[in-house]
Amino acid sequence: MAGDVNDLTIEYEEDGLVIVQEIDKVILSKGAWATILYRYRQWDHRNGEYGQDLYTIRRYRKVSGKYTQQSKFNISSKAQAVKLIEALKKWTDEPAE
């Protein structure tokens, strides 16, 4: 794993073919614990092309100068991503109590 949060990636290559293609990432937090939201696509061997955009949130912990993944949450569809956005928007727009 990487020692710098900016170098963390989920891109994965196998036999010269990028199986998991990272499209974008947003670093949500960094430090001893880092949280990153990734947008990516996976290669579909049956169709010979990349599938739809997918999203995942990964949590990393820095130990001995290197980040290691501690947990992940895969957002299973665009529809689920939209529901997540709507819920967060609603909650963050509510006045503080």
PDB file of N, CA and C in Angstrom:
ATOM      1  N   MET A   1       0.836  -1.188   0.000  1.00  0.00           N
ATOM      2  CA  MET A   1       0.000   0.000   0.000  1.00  0.00           C
ATOM      3  C   MET A   1       0.881   1.251   0.000  1.00  0.00           C
ATOM      4  N   ALA A   2       0.262   2.336  -0.287  1.00  0.00           N
ATOM      5  CA  ALA A   2       0.950   3.623  -0.424  1.00  0.00           C
ATOM      6  C   ALA A   2       1.210   4.271   0.936  1.00  0.00           C
ATOM      7  N   GLY A   3       2.187   5.146   0.951  1.00  0.00           N
ATOM      8  CA  GLY A   3       2.501   5.905   2.158  1.00  0.00           C
ATOM      9  C   GLY A   3       1.886   7.290   2.141  1.00  0.00           C
ATOM     10  N   ASP A   4       1.384   7.713   0.970  1.00  0.00           N
ATOM     11  CA  ASP A   4       0.747   9.024   0.805  1.00  0.00           C
ATOM     12  C   ASP A   4      -0.703   8.792   0.386  1.00  0.00           C
ATOM     13  N   VAL A   5      -1.626   9.448   1.050  1.00  0.00           N
ATOM     14  CA  VAL A   5      -3.053   9.254   0.770  1.00  0.00           C
ATOM     15  C   VAL A   5      -3.391   9.547  -0.695  1.00  0.00           C
ATOM     16  N   ASN A   6      -2.676  10.479  -1.310  1.00  0.00           N
ATOM     17  CA  ASN A   6      -2.943  10.814  -2.708  1.00  0.00           C
ATOM     18  C   ASN A   6      -2.578   9.692  -3.668  1.00  0.00           C
ATOM     19  N   ASP A   7      -1.743   8.760  -3.229  1.00  0.00           N
ATOM     20  CA  ASP A   7      -1.311   7.651  -4.077  1.00  0.00           C
ATOM     21  C   ASP A   7      -2.203   6.425  -3.954  1.00  0.00           C
ATOM     22  N   LEU A   8      -3.156   6.434  -3.029  1.00  0.00           N
ATOM     23  CA  LEU A   8      -4.062   5.294  -2.874  1.00  0.00           C
ATOM     24  C   LEU A   8      -4.964   5.191  -4.095  1.00  0.00           C
ATOM     25  N   THR A   9      -5.215   3.967  -4.532  1.00  0.00           N
ATOM     26  CA  THR A   9      -6.044   3.731  -5.703  1.00  0.00           C
ATOM     27  C   THR A   9      -6.726   2.380  -5.587  1.00  0.00           C
ATOM     28  N   ILE A  10      -7.806   2.210  -6.328  1.00  0.00           N
ATOM     29  CA  ILE A  10      -8.440   0.900  -6.411  1.00  0.00           C
ATOM     30  C   ILE A  10      -8.217   0.290  -7.795  1.00  0.00           C
ATOM     31  N   GLU A  11      -7.491   1.010  -8.653  1.00  0.00           N
ATOM     32  CA  GLU A  11      -7.237   0.486  -9.997  1.00  0.00           C
ATOM     33  C   GLU A  11      -6.490  -0.840  -9.882  1.00  0.00           C
ATOM     34  N   TYR A  12      -6.929  -1.806 -10.691  1.00  0.00           N
ATOM     35  CA  TYR A  12      -6.366  -3.153 -10.627  1.00  0.00           C
ATOM     36  C   TYR A  12      -6.154  -3.665 -12.038  1.00  0.00           C
ATOM     37  N   GLU A  13      -4.941  -4.143 -12.288  1.00  0.00           N
ATOM     38  CA  GLU A  13      -4.583  -4.652 -13.610  1.00  0.00           C
ATOM     39  C   GLU A  13      -4.211  -6.123 -13.512  1.00  0.00           C
ATOM     40  N   GLU A  14      -4.604  -6.885 -14.523  1.00  0.00           N
ATOM     41  CA  GLU A  14      -4.301  -8.311 -14.564  1.00  0.00           C
ATOM     42  C   GLU A  14      -3.920  -8.681 -15.992  1.00  0.00           C
ATOM     43  N   ASP A  15      -2.739  -9.223 -16.173  1.00  0.00           N
ATOM     44  CA  ASP A  15      -2.246  -9.609 -17.498  1.00  0.00           C
ATOM     45  C   ASP A  15      -2.332  -8.464 -18.506  1.00  0.00           C
ATOM     46  N   GLY A  16      -1.994  -7.259 -18.060  1.00  0.00           N
ATOM     47  CA  GLY A  16      -1.972  -6.102 -18.944  1.00  0.00           C
ATOM     48  C   GLY A  16      -3.325  -5.463 -19.201  1.00  0.00           C
ATOM     49  N   LEU A  17      -4.384  -6.012 -18.617  1.00  0.00           N
ATOM     50  CA  LEU A  17      -5.739  -5.469 -18.795  1.00  0.00           C
ATOM     51  C   LEU A  17      -6.195  -4.846 -17.485  1.00  0.00           C
ATOM     52  N   VAL A  18      -6.656  -3.606 -17.557  1.00  0.00           N
ATOM     53  CA  VAL A  18      -7.174  -2.933 -16.363  1.00  0.00           C
ATOM     54  C   VAL A  18      -8.557  -3.509 -16.069  1.00  0.00           C
ATOM     55  N   ILE A  19      -8.653  -4.270 -14.996  1.00  0.00           N
ATOM     56  CA  ILE A  19      -9.907  -4.932 -14.602  1.00  0.00           C
ATOM     57  C   ILE A  19     -10.802  -3.951 -13.842  1.00  0.00           C
ATOM     58  N   VAL A  20     -10.209  -3.207 -12.908  1.00  0.00           N
ATOM     59  CA  VAL A  20     -10.925  -2.165 -12.170  1.00  0.00           C
ATOM     60  C   VAL A  20     -10.297  -0.840 -12.583  1.00  0.00           C
ATOM     61  N   GLN A  21     -11.078  -0.023 -13.280  1.00  0.00           N
ATOM     62  CA  GLN A  21     -10.601   1.260 -13.794  1.00  0.00           C
ATOM     63  C   GLN A  21     -11.110   2.386 -12.895  1.00  0.00           C
ATOM     64  N   GLU A  22     -10.195   3.034 -12.197  1.00  0.00           N
ATOM     65  CA  GLU A  22     -10.572   4.167 -11.352  1.00  0.00           C
ATOM     66  C   GLU A  22     -10.829   5.373 -12.243  1.00  0.00           C
ATOM     67  N   ILE A  23     -12.014   5.968 -12.120  1.00  0.00           N
ATOM     68  CA  ILE A  23     -12.386   7.130 -12.920  1.00  0.00           C
ATOM     69  C   ILE A  23     -12.084   8.416 -12.166  1.00  0.00           C
ATOM     70  N   ASP A  24     -12.382   8.402 -10.876  1.00  0.00           N
ATOM     71  CA  ASP A  24     -12.173   9.600 -10.062  1.00  0.00           C
ATOM     72  C   ASP A  24     -12.138   9.182  -8.602  1.00  0.00           C
ATOM     73  N   LYS A  25     -11.661  10.080  -7.760  1.00  0.00           N
ATOM     74  CA  LYS A  25     -11.707   9.851  -6.317  1.00  0.00           C
ATOM     75  C   LYS A  25     -11.775  11.190  -5.607  1.00  0.00           C
ATOM     76  N   VAL A  26     -12.393  11.159  -4.430  1.00  0.00           N
ATOM     77  CA  VAL A  26     -12.469  12.327  -3.567  1.00  0.00           C
ATOM     78  C   VAL A  26     -11.971  11.883  -2.200  1.00  0.00           C
ATOM     79  N   ILE A  27     -10.952  12.565  -1.712  1.00  0.00           N
ATOM     80  CA  ILE A  27     -10.426  12.269  -0.388  1.00  0.00           C
ATOM     81  C   ILE A  27     -11.316  12.997   0.619  1.00  0.00           C
ATOM     82  N   LEU A  28     -12.059  12.231   1.401  1.00  0.00           N
ATOM     83  CA  LEU A  28     -12.994  12.805   2.368  1.00  0.00           C
ATOM     84  C   LEU A  28     -12.301  13.186   3.668  1.00  0.00           C
ATOM     85  N   SER A  29     -11.288  12.425   4.049  1.00  0.00           N
ATOM     86  CA  SER A  29     -10.491  12.756   5.233  1.00  0.00           C
ATOM     87  C   SER A  29      -9.121  12.129   5.072  1.00  0.00           C
ATOM     88  N   LYS A  30      -8.142  12.761   5.711  1.00  0.00           N
ATOM     89  CA  LYS A  30      -6.792  12.200   5.674  1.00  0.00           C
ATOM     90  C   LYS A  30      -6.127  12.390   7.014  1.00  0.00           C
ATOM     91  N   GLY A  31      -5.080  11.649   7.232  1.00  0.00           N
ATOM     92  CA  GLY A  31      -4.368  11.634   8.501  1.00  0.00           C
ATOM     93  C   GLY A  31      -4.052  10.195   8.832  1.00  0.00           C
ATOM     94  N   ALA A  32      -4.058   9.863  10.124  1.00  0.00           N
ATOM     95  CA  ALA A  32      -3.806   8.479  10.530  1.00  0.00           C
ATOM     96  C   ALA A  32      -4.889   7.552   9.993  1.00  0.00           C
ATOM     97  N   TRP A  33      -6.080   8.089   9.842  1.00  0.00           N
ATOM     98  CA  TRP A  33      -7.192   7.383   9.208  1.00  0.00           C
ATOM     99  C   TRP A  33      -7.617   8.207   8.000  1.00  0.00           C
ATOM    100  N   ALA A  34      -7.774   7.563   6.853  1.00  0.00           N
ATOM    101  CA  ALA A  34      -8.182   8.249   5.626  1.00  0.00           C
ATOM    102  C   ALA A  34      -9.446   7.593   5.089  1.00  0.00           C
ATOM    103  N   THR A  35     -10.317   8.425   4.529  1.00  0.00           N
ATOM    104  CA  THR A  35     -11.547   7.940   3.910  1.00  0.00           C
ATOM    105  C   THR A  35     -11.601   8.493   2.499  1.00  0.00           C
ATOM    106  N   ILE A  36     -11.829   7.603   1.522  1.00  0.00           N
ATOM    107  CA  ILE A  36     -11.840   8.010   0.121  1.00  0.00           C
ATOM    108  C   ILE A  36     -13.080   7.455  -0.565  1.00  0.00           C
ATOM    109  N   LEU A  37     -13.721   8.313  -1.340  1.00  0.00           N
ATOM    110  CA  LEU A  37     -14.842   7.928  -2.183  1.00  0.00           C
ATOM    111  C   LEU A  37     -14.298   7.756  -3.597  1.00  0.00           C
ATOM    112  N   TYR A  38     -14.506   6.576  -4.177  1.00  0.00           N
ATOM    113  CA  TYR A  38     -14.025   6.279  -5.521  1.00  0.00           C
ATOM    114  C   TYR A  38     -15.188   6.101  -6.496  1.00  0.00           C
ATOM    115  N   ARG A  39     -14.961   6.529  -7.717  1.00  0.00           N
ATOM    116  CA  ARG A  39     -15.847   6.230  -8.844  1.00  0.00           C
ATOM    117  C   ARG A  39     -15.024   5.351  -9.778  1.00  0.00           C
ATOM    118  N   TYR A  40     -15.599   4.214 -10.179  1.00  0.00           N
ATOM    119  CA  TYR A  40     -14.836   3.263 -10.970  1.00  0.00           C
ATOM    120  C   TYR A  40     -15.732   2.443 -11.894  1.00  0.00           C
ATOM    121  N   ARG A  41     -15.082   1.693 -12.779  1.00  0.00           N
ATOM    122  CA  ARG A  41     -15.785   0.750 -13.655  1.00  0.00           C
ATOM    123  C   ARG A  41     -15.024  -0.563 -13.649  1.00  0.00           C
ATOM    124  N   GLN A  42     -15.749  -1.657 -13.860  1.00  0.00           N
ATOM    125  CA  GLN A  42     -15.127  -2.970 -13.929  1.00  0.00           C
ATOM    126  C   GLN A  42     -15.248  -3.525 -15.340  1.00  0.00           C
ATOM    127  N   TRP A  43     -14.196  -4.227 -15.751  1.00  0.00           N
ATOM    128  CA  TRP A  43     -14.175  -4.862 -17.058  1.00  0.00           C
ATOM    129  C   TRP A  43     -15.100  -6.069 -17.037  1.00  0.00           C
ATOM    130  N   ASP A  44     -15.967  -6.157 -18.033  1.00  0.00           N
ATOM    131  CA  ASP A  44     -16.893  -7.285 -18.181  1.00  0.00           C
ATOM    132  C   ASP A  44     -16.314  -8.200 -19.259  1.00  0.00           C
ATOM    133  N   HIS A  45     -15.799  -9.341 -18.836  1.00  0.00           N
ATOM    134  CA  HIS A  45     -15.166 -10.273 -19.779  1.00  0.00           C
ATOM    135  C   HIS A  45     -16.156 -10.811 -20.815  1.00  0.00           C
ATOM    136  N   ARG A  46     -17.399 -11.002 -20.426  1.00  0.00           N
ATOM    137  CA  ARG A  46     -18.406 -11.535 -21.360  1.00  0.00           C
ATOM    138  C   ARG A  46     -18.698 -10.567 -22.496  1.00  0.00           C
ATOM    139  N   ASN A  47     -18.809  -9.277 -22.166  1.00  0.00           N
ATOM    140  CA  ASN A  47     -19.154  -8.273 -23.175  1.00  0.00           C
ATOM    141  C   ASN A  47     -17.925  -7.628 -23.811  1.00  0.00           C
ATOM    142  N   GLY A  48     -16.767  -7.801 -23.183  1.00  0.00           N
ATOM    143  CA  GLY A  48     -15.550  -7.200 -23.711  1.00  0.00           C
ATOM    144  C   GLY A  48     -15.523  -5.685 -23.604  1.00  0.00           C
ATOM    145  N   GLU A  49     -16.159  -5.159 -22.557  1.00  0.00           N
ATOM    146  CA  GLU A  49     -16.175  -3.707 -22.338  1.00  0.00           C
ATOM    147  C   GLU A  49     -16.392  -3.429 -20.854  1.00  0.00           C
ATOM    148  N   TYR A  50     -16.203  -2.162 -20.494  1.00  0.00           N
ATOM    149  CA  TYR A  50     -16.432  -1.773 -19.105  1.00  0.00           C
ATOM    150  C   TYR A  50     -17.919  -1.622 -18.839  1.00  0.00           C
ATOM    151  N   GLY A  51     -18.313  -1.959 -17.615  1.00  0.00           N
ATOM    152  CA  GLY A  51     -19.698  -1.823 -17.188  1.00  0.00           C
ATOM    153  C   GLY A  51     -20.005  -0.405 -16.756  1.00  0.00           C
ATOM    154  N   GLN A  52     -21.131  -0.260 -16.114  1.00  0.00           N
ATOM    155  CA  GLN A  52     -21.587   1.052 -15.647  1.00  0.00           C
ATOM    156  C   GLN A  52     -20.704   1.569 -14.523  1.00  0.00           C
ATOM    157  N   ASP A  53     -20.778   2.858 -14.284  1.00  0.00           N
ATOM    158  CA  ASP A  53     -20.035   3.467 -13.191  1.00  0.00           C
ATOM    159  C   ASP A  53     -20.520   2.890 -11.862  1.00  0.00           C
ATOM    160  N   LEU A  54     -19.559   2.627 -10.991  1.00  0.00           N
ATOM    161  CA  LEU A  54     -19.827   2.132  -9.651  1.00  0.00           C
ATOM    162  C   LEU A  54     -19.132   3.058  -8.659  1.00  0.00           C
ATOM    163  N   TYR A  55     -19.489   2.927  -7.385  1.00  0.00           N
ATOM    164  CA  TYR A  55     -18.960   3.812  -6.357  1.00  0.00           C
ATOM    165  C   TYR A  55     -18.624   2.986  -5.119  1.00  0.00           C
ATOM    166  N   THR A  56     -17.563   3.377  -4.444  1.00  0.00           N
ATOM    167  CA  THR A  56     -17.186   2.686  -3.207  1.00  0.00           C
ATOM    168  C   THR A  56     -16.527   3.678  -2.263  1.00  0.00           C
ATOM    169  N   ILE A  57     -16.738   3.466  -0.981  1.00  0.00           N
ATOM    170  CA  ILE A  57     -16.091   4.261   0.052  1.00  0.00           C
ATOM    171  C   ILE A  57     -15.118   3.327   0.759  1.00  0.00           C
ATOM    172  N   ARG A  58     -13.861   3.736   0.810  1.00  0.00           N
ATOM    173  CA  ARG A  58     -12.832   2.924   1.456  1.00  0.00           C
ATOM    174  C   ARG A  58     -12.241   3.683   2.634  1.00  0.00           C
ATOM    175  N   ARG A  59     -11.965   2.946   3.696  1.00  0.00           N
ATOM    176  CA  ARG A  59     -11.376   3.505   4.914  1.00  0.00           C
ATOM    177  C   ARG A  59     -10.009   2.865   5.090  1.00  0.00           C
ATOM    178  N   TYR A  60      -8.984   3.697   5.261  1.00  0.00           N
ATOM    179  CA  TYR A  60      -7.612   3.232   5.402  1.00  0.00           C
ATOM    180  C   TYR A  60      -7.036   3.700   6.731  1.00  0.00           C
ATOM    181  N   ARG A  61      -6.110   2.903   7.242  1.00  0.00           N
ATOM    182  CA  ARG A  61      -5.399   3.248   8.471  1.00  0.00           C
ATOM    183  C   ARG A  61      -3.901   3.253   8.169  1.00  0.00           C
ATOM    184  N   LYS A  62      -3.222   4.276   8.630  1.00  0.00           N
ATOM    185  CA  LYS A  62      -1.786   4.384   8.396  1.00  0.00           C
ATOM    186  C   LYS A  62      -1.034   3.768   9.572  1.00  0.00           C
ATOM    187  N   VAL A  63      -0.269   2.732   9.272  1.00  0.00           N
ATOM    188  CA  VAL A  63       0.528   2.041  10.270  1.00  0.00           C
ATOM    189  C   VAL A  63       1.937   1.887   9.715  1.00  0.00           C
ATOM    190  N   SER A  64       2.925   2.258  10.491  1.00  0.00           N
ATOM    191  CA  SER A  64       4.332   2.169  10.078  1.00  0.00           C
ATOM    192  C   SER A  64       4.573   2.856   8.734  1.00  0.00           C
ATOM    193  N   GLY A  65       3.897   3.994   8.527  1.00  0.00           N
ATOM    194  CA  GLY A  65       4.114   4.787   7.329  1.00  0.00           C
ATOM    195  C   GLY A  65       3.389   4.327   6.087  1.00  0.00           C
ATOM    196  N   LYS A  66       2.576   3.266   6.186  1.00  0.00           N
ATOM    197  CA  LYS A  66       1.856   2.744   5.022  1.00  0.00           C
ATOM    198  C   LYS A  66       0.366   2.625   5.337  1.00  0.00           C
ATOM    199  N   TYR A  67      -0.467   2.985   4.355  1.00  0.00           N
ATOM    200  CA  TYR A  67      -1.911   2.840   4.514  1.00  0.00           C
ATOM    201  C   TYR A  67      -2.333   1.414   4.188  1.00  0.00           C
ATOM    202  N   THR A  68      -3.203   0.872   5.005  1.00  0.00           N
ATOM    203  CA  THR A  68      -3.812  -0.424   4.730  1.00  0.00           C
ATOM    204  C   THR A  68      -5.324  -0.253   4.832  1.00  0.00           C
ATOM    205  N   GLN A  69      -6.017  -0.924   3.939  1.00  0.00           N
ATOM    206  CA  GLN A  69      -7.477  -0.816   3.927  1.00  0.00           C
ATOM    207  C   GLN A  69      -8.048  -1.511   5.155  1.00  0.00           C
ATOM    208  N   GLN A  70      -8.974  -0.823   5.821  1.00  0.00           N
ATOM    209  CA  GLN A  70      -9.616  -1.366   7.016  1.00  0.00           C
ATOM    210  C   GLN A  70     -11.056  -1.781   6.758  1.00  0.00           C
ATOM    211  N   SER A  71     -11.730  -1.041   5.865  1.00  0.00           N
ATOM    212  CA  SER A  71     -13.126  -1.371   5.574  1.00  0.00           C
ATOM    213  C   SER A  71     -13.526  -0.745   4.252  1.00  0.00           C
ATOM    214  N   LYS A  72     -14.662  -1.212   3.737  1.00  0.00           N
ATOM    215  CA  LYS A  72     -15.182  -0.641   2.495  1.00  0.00           C
ATOM    216  C   LYS A  72     -16.693  -0.789   2.478  1.00  0.00           C
ATOM    217  N   PHE A  73     -17.316   0.102   1.740  1.00  0.00           N
ATOM    218  CA  PHE A  73     -18.758   0.041   1.489  1.00  0.00           C
ATOM    219  C   PHE A  73     -18.953   0.275   0.010  1.00  0.00           C
ATOM    220  N   ASN A  74     -19.505  -0.723  -0.676  1.00  0.00           N
ATOM    221  CA  ASN A  74     -19.788  -0.600  -2.100  1.00  0.00           C
ATOM    222  C   ASN A  74     -21.219  -0.127  -2.295  1.00  0.00           C
ATOM    223  N   ILE A  75     -21.372   0.939  -3.041  1.00  0.00           N
ATOM    224  CA  ILE A  75     -22.694   1.447  -3.402  1.00  0.00           C
ATOM    225  C   ILE A  75     -23.109   0.645  -4.628  1.00  0.00           C
ATOM    226  N   SER A  76     -24.183  -0.109  -4.501  1.00  0.00           N
ATOM    227  CA  SER A  76     -24.496  -1.161  -5.464  1.00  0.00           C
ATOM    228  C   SER A  76     -25.081  -0.691  -6.790  1.00  0.00           C
ATOM    229  N   SER A  77     -25.566   0.539  -6.843  1.00  0.00           N
ATOM    230  CA  SER A  77     -26.172   1.008  -8.093  1.00  0.00           C
ATOM    231  C   SER A  77     -26.244   2.536  -8.095  1.00  0.00           C
ATOM    232  N   LYS A  78     -26.512   3.075  -9.265  1.00  0.00           N
ATOM    233  CA  LYS A  78     -26.703   4.524  -9.367  1.00  0.00           C
ATOM    234  C   LYS A  78     -27.914   4.948  -8.536  1.00  0.00           C
ATOM    235  N   ALA A  79     -28.965   4.133  -8.541  1.00  0.00           N
ATOM    236  CA  ALA A  79     -30.168   4.448  -7.769  1.00  0.00           C
ATOM    237  C   ALA A  79     -29.851   4.523  -6.271  1.00  0.00           C
ATOM    238  N   GLN A  80     -29.031   3.606  -5.776  1.00  0.00           N
ATOM    239  CA  GLN A  80     -28.653   3.642  -4.366  1.00  0.00           C
ATOM    240  C   GLN A  80     -27.819   4.885  -4.074  1.00  0.00           C
ATOM    241  N   ALA A  81     -26.936   5.270  -4.992  1.00  0.00           N
ATOM    242  CA  ALA A  81     -26.122   6.476  -4.825  1.00  0.00           C
ATOM    243  C   ALA A  81     -27.012   7.708  -4.723  1.00  0.00           C
ATOM    244  N   VAL A  82     -28.031   7.778  -5.565  1.00  0.00           N
ATOM    245  CA  VAL A  82     -28.955   8.922  -5.547  1.00  0.00           C
ATOM    246  C   VAL A  82     -29.701   8.982  -4.218  1.00  0.00           C
ATOM    247  N   LYS A  83     -30.165   7.836  -3.709  1.00  0.00           N
ATOM    248  CA  LYS A  83     -30.854   7.809  -2.412  1.00  0.00           C
ATOM    249  C   LYS A  83     -29.935   8.253  -1.281  1.00  0.00           C
ATOM    250  N   LEU A  84     -28.693   7.837  -1.338  1.00  0.00           N
ATOM    251  CA  LEU A  84     -27.713   8.241  -0.340  1.00  0.00           C
ATOM    252  C   LEU A  84     -27.503   9.752  -0.381  1.00  0.00           C
ATOM    253  N   ILE A  85     -27.359  10.299  -1.575  1.00  0.00           N
ATOM    254  CA  ILE A  85     -27.184  11.751  -1.747  1.00  0.00           C
ATOM    255  C   ILE A  85     -28.399  12.496  -1.199  1.00  0.00           C
ATOM    256  N   GLU A  86     -29.589  12.032  -1.544  1.00  0.00           N
ATOM    257  CA  GLU A  86     -30.820  12.694  -1.090  1.00  0.00           C
ATOM    258  C   GLU A  86     -30.922  12.688   0.434  1.00  0.00           C
ATOM    259  N   ALA A  87     -30.612  11.559   1.057  1.00  0.00           N
ATOM    260  CA  ALA A  87     -30.695  11.478   2.519  1.00  0.00           C
ATOM    261  C   ALA A  87     -29.682  12.407   3.173  1.00  0.00           C
ATOM    262  N   LEU A  88     -28.461  12.403   2.683  1.00  0.00           N
ATOM    263  CA  LEU A  88     -27.432  13.275   3.254  1.00  0.00           C
ATOM    264  C   LEU A  88     -27.779  14.746   3.049  1.00  0.00           C
ATOM    265  N   LYS A  89     -28.297  15.076   1.891  1.00  0.00           N
ATOM    266  CA  LYS A  89     -28.688  16.463   1.597  1.00  0.00           C
ATOM    267  C   LYS A  89     -29.787  16.911   2.565  1.00  0.00           C
ATOM    268  N   LYS A  90     -30.781  16.044   2.763  1.00  0.00           N
ATOM    269  CA  LYS A  90     -31.879  16.364   3.682  1.00  0.00           C
ATOM    270  C   LYS A  90     -31.345  16.601   5.095  1.00  0.00           C
ATOM    271  N   TRP A  91     -30.502  15.695   5.562  1.00  0.00           N
ATOM    272  CA  TRP A  91     -29.984  15.802   6.921  1.00  0.00           C
ATOM    273  C   TRP A  91     -29.091  17.023   7.094  1.00  0.00           C
ATOM    274  N   THR A  92     -28.265  17.323   6.113  1.00  0.00           N
ATOM    275  CA  THR A  92     -27.353  18.451   6.266  1.00  0.00           C
ATOM    276  C   THR A  92     -28.046  19.797   6.072  1.00  0.00           C
ATOM    277  N   ASP A  93     -29.214  19.795   5.426  1.00  0.00           N
ATOM    278  CA  ASP A  93     -29.976  21.035   5.253  1.00  0.00           C
ATOM    279  C   ASP A  93     -30.860  21.354   6.453  1.00  0.00           C
ATOM    280  N   GLU A  94     -31.084  20.370   7.326  1.00  0.00           N
ATOM    281  CA  GLU A  94     -31.920  20.587   8.506  1.00  0.00           C
ATOM    282  C   GLU A  94     -31.212  21.560   9.450  1.00  0.00           C
ATOM    283  N   PRO A  95     -31.983  22.444  10.064  1.00  0.00           N
ATOM    284  CA  PRO A  95     -31.367  23.372  11.031  1.00  0.00           C
ATOM    285  C   PRO A  95     -30.822  22.601  12.232  1.00  0.00           C
ATOM    286  N   ALA A  96     -29.719  23.087  12.778  1.00  0.00           N
ATOM    287  CA  ALA A  96     -29.127  22.465  13.958  1.00  0.00           C
ATOM    288  C   ALA A  96     -30.047  22.658  15.156  1.00  0.00           C
ATOM    289  N   GLU A  97     -30.085  21.661  15.997  1.00  0.00           N
ATOM    290  CA  GLU A  97     -30.938  21.744  17.201  1.00  0.00           C
ATOM    291  C   GLU A  97     -30.218  22.384  18.331  1.00  0.00           C
TER     292      GLU A  97
END
